[in-house]
C-alpha atoms as a PDB file:
ATOM      1  CA  MET A   1     -69.823  -5.350  28.290  1.00  0.00           C
ATOM      2  CA  THR A   2     -68.509  -8.708  29.281  1.00  0.00           C
ATOM      3  CA  LYS A   3     -67.714 -11.387  26.657  1.00  0.00           C
ATOM      4  CA  LEU A   4     -68.982 -14.711  28.061  1.00  0.00           C
ATOM      5  CA  LYS A   5     -68.160 -18.020  26.446  1.00  0.00           C
ATOM      6  CA  LEU A   6     -71.839 -18.956  26.410  1.00  0.00           C
ATOM      7  CA  GLY A   7     -74.527 -17.273  24.427  1.00  0.00           C
ATOM      8  CA  ALA A   8     -78.302 -17.703  24.596  1.00  0.00           C
ATOM      9  CA  ILE A   9     -79.489 -21.062  25.795  1.00  0.00           C
ATOM     10  CA  ALA A  10     -80.954 -23.273  23.098  1.00  0.00           C
ATOM     11  CA  ASP A  11     -84.252 -24.730  23.777  1.00  0.00           C
ATOM     12  CA  ASP A  12     -83.575 -28.485  23.034  1.00  0.00           C
ATOM     13  CA  LYS A  13     -85.129 -31.761  24.192  1.00  0.00           C
ATOM     14  CA  PRO A  14     -83.075 -32.673  27.335  1.00  0.00           C
ATOM     15  CA  PHE A  15     -81.641 -35.865  28.466  1.00  0.00           C
ATOM     16  CA  LYS A  16     -82.352 -36.205  32.237  1.00  0.00           C
ATOM     17  CA  MET A  17     -79.555 -37.065  34.719  1.00  0.00           C
ATOM     18  CA  SER A  18     -78.774 -36.333  38.265  1.00  0.00           C
ATOM     19  CA  ILE A  19     -75.481 -34.841  39.454  1.00  0.00           C
ATOM     20  CA  GLU A  20     -74.037 -33.467  42.746  1.00  0.00           C
ATOM     21  CA  LEU A  21     -72.159 -30.196  42.495  1.00  0.00           C
ATOM     22  CA  PRO A  22     -70.009 -28.583  45.190  1.00  0.00           C
ATOM     23  CA  ALA A  23     -71.864 -25.573  46.778  1.00  0.00           C
ATOM     24  CA  ALA A  24     -69.220 -23.205  45.396  1.00  0.00           C
ATOM     25  CA  VAL A  25     -69.928 -24.426  41.830  1.00  0.00           C
ATOM     26  CA  HIS A  26     -73.720 -23.915  42.396  1.00  0.00           C
ATOM     27  CA  ARG A  27     -73.201 -20.362  43.654  1.00  0.00           C
ATOM     28  CA  ASP A  28     -71.032 -19.793  40.569  1.00  0.00           C
ATOM     29  CA  LEU A  29     -73.767 -21.113  38.248  1.00  0.00           C
ATOM     30  CA  ILE A  30     -76.255 -18.823  39.854  1.00  0.00           C
ATOM     31  CA  ALA A  31     -74.010 -15.829  39.439  1.00  0.00           C
ATOM     32  CA  TYR A  32     -73.265 -16.834  35.762  1.00  0.00           C
ATOM     33  CA  ALA A  33     -76.965 -17.165  35.035  1.00  0.00           C
ATOM     34  CA  GLU A  34     -77.514 -13.655  36.360  1.00  0.00           C
ATOM     35  CA  VAL A  35     -74.674 -12.141  34.258  1.00  0.00           C
ATOM     36  CA  LEU A  36     -75.771 -14.121  31.128  1.00  0.00           C
ATOM     37  CA  GLY A  37     -79.361 -13.020  31.607  1.00  0.00           C
ATOM     38  CA  ARG A  38     -78.322  -9.325  31.732  1.00  0.00           C
ATOM     39  CA  GLU A  39     -75.988  -9.675  28.744  1.00  0.00           C
ATOM     40  CA  THR A  40     -78.506 -11.544  26.459  1.00  0.00           C
ATOM     41  CA  GLY A  41     -81.609  -9.711  27.804  1.00  0.00           C
ATOM     42  CA  GLN A  42     -83.162 -13.142  28.305  1.00  0.00           C
ATOM     43  CA  PRO A  43     -83.508 -14.577  31.728  1.00  0.00           C
ATOM     44  CA  VAL A  44     -81.863 -18.018  32.065  1.00  0.00           C
ATOM     45  CA  GLY A  45     -84.244 -19.329  34.627  1.00  0.00           C
ATOM     46  CA  GLU A  46     -82.789 -22.215  36.636  1.00  0.00           C
ATOM     47  CA  PRO A  47     -78.993 -22.124  36.556  1.00  0.00           C
ATOM     48  CA  VAL A  48     -79.093 -25.967  35.915  1.00  0.00           C
ATOM     49  CA  ARG A  49     -79.766 -25.029  32.236  1.00  0.00           C
ATOM     50  CA  LEU A  50     -76.234 -23.697  31.999  1.00  0.00           C
ATOM     51  CA  ILE A  51     -74.554 -27.018  32.771  1.00  0.00           C
ATOM     52  CA  ALA A  52     -75.139 -28.714  29.327  1.00  0.00           C
ATOM     53  CA  PRO A  53     -74.103 -25.663  27.247  1.00  0.00           C
ATOM     54  CA  MET A  54     -70.960 -25.257  29.457  1.00  0.00           C
ATOM     55  CA  ILE A  55     -70.024 -28.964  28.996  1.00  0.00           C
ATOM     56  CA  GLU A  56     -70.776 -28.709  25.278  1.00  0.00           C
ATOM     57  CA  ARG A  57     -68.568 -25.604  24.897  1.00  0.00           C
ATOM     58  CA  PHE A  58     -65.777 -27.226  27.000  1.00  0.00           C
ATOM     59  CA  MET A  59     -65.659 -30.246  24.792  1.00  0.00           C
ATOM     60  CA  ALA A  60     -65.939 -28.228  21.554  1.00  0.00           C
ATOM     61  CA  THR A  61     -62.798 -26.231  22.541  1.00  0.00           C
ATOM     62  CA  ASP A  62     -60.739 -29.015  24.028  1.00  0.00           C
ATOM     63  CA  ARG A  63     -58.088 -29.722  21.204  1.00  0.00           C
ATOM     64  CA  ALA A  64     -56.876 -32.888  22.770  1.00  0.00           C
ATOM     65  CA  PHE A  65     -60.372 -34.276  23.005  1.00  0.00           C
ATOM     66  CA  ALA A  66     -60.976 -33.270  19.297  1.00  0.00           C
ATOM     67  CA  LYS A  67     -57.787 -34.930  18.214  1.00  0.00           C
ATOM     68  CA  ALA A  68     -58.525 -38.158  20.145  1.00  0.00           C
ATOM     69  CA  ARG A  69     -61.980 -38.315  18.859  1.00  0.00           C
ATOM     70  CA  ARG A  70     -60.686 -37.986  15.230  1.00  0.00           C
ATOM     71  CA  ASN A  71     -58.201 -40.674  15.810  1.00  0.00           C
ATOM     72  CA  ARG A  72     -60.319 -43.155  17.526  1.00  0.00           C
ATOM     73  CA  LYS A  73     -61.060 -46.501  15.732  1.00  0.00           C
ATOM     74  CA  PRO A  74     -64.546 -47.231  14.494  1.00  0.00           C
END
């Protein structure tokens, strides 16, 4: 069994924004959604639902960002 960095996708009120992705990134999102759906037993639906959790996970594990955020002046 694969150990993905993302778990089940939370159902949260979204903030709407529009972005453009390279085609290769879109294909990878589709593939990731398929693997995640198989692993969690819950279909992801649209791969766009993965973007926010991926960004959230990225920022949560970025040590330099965490340090800069702690050290920022109010």
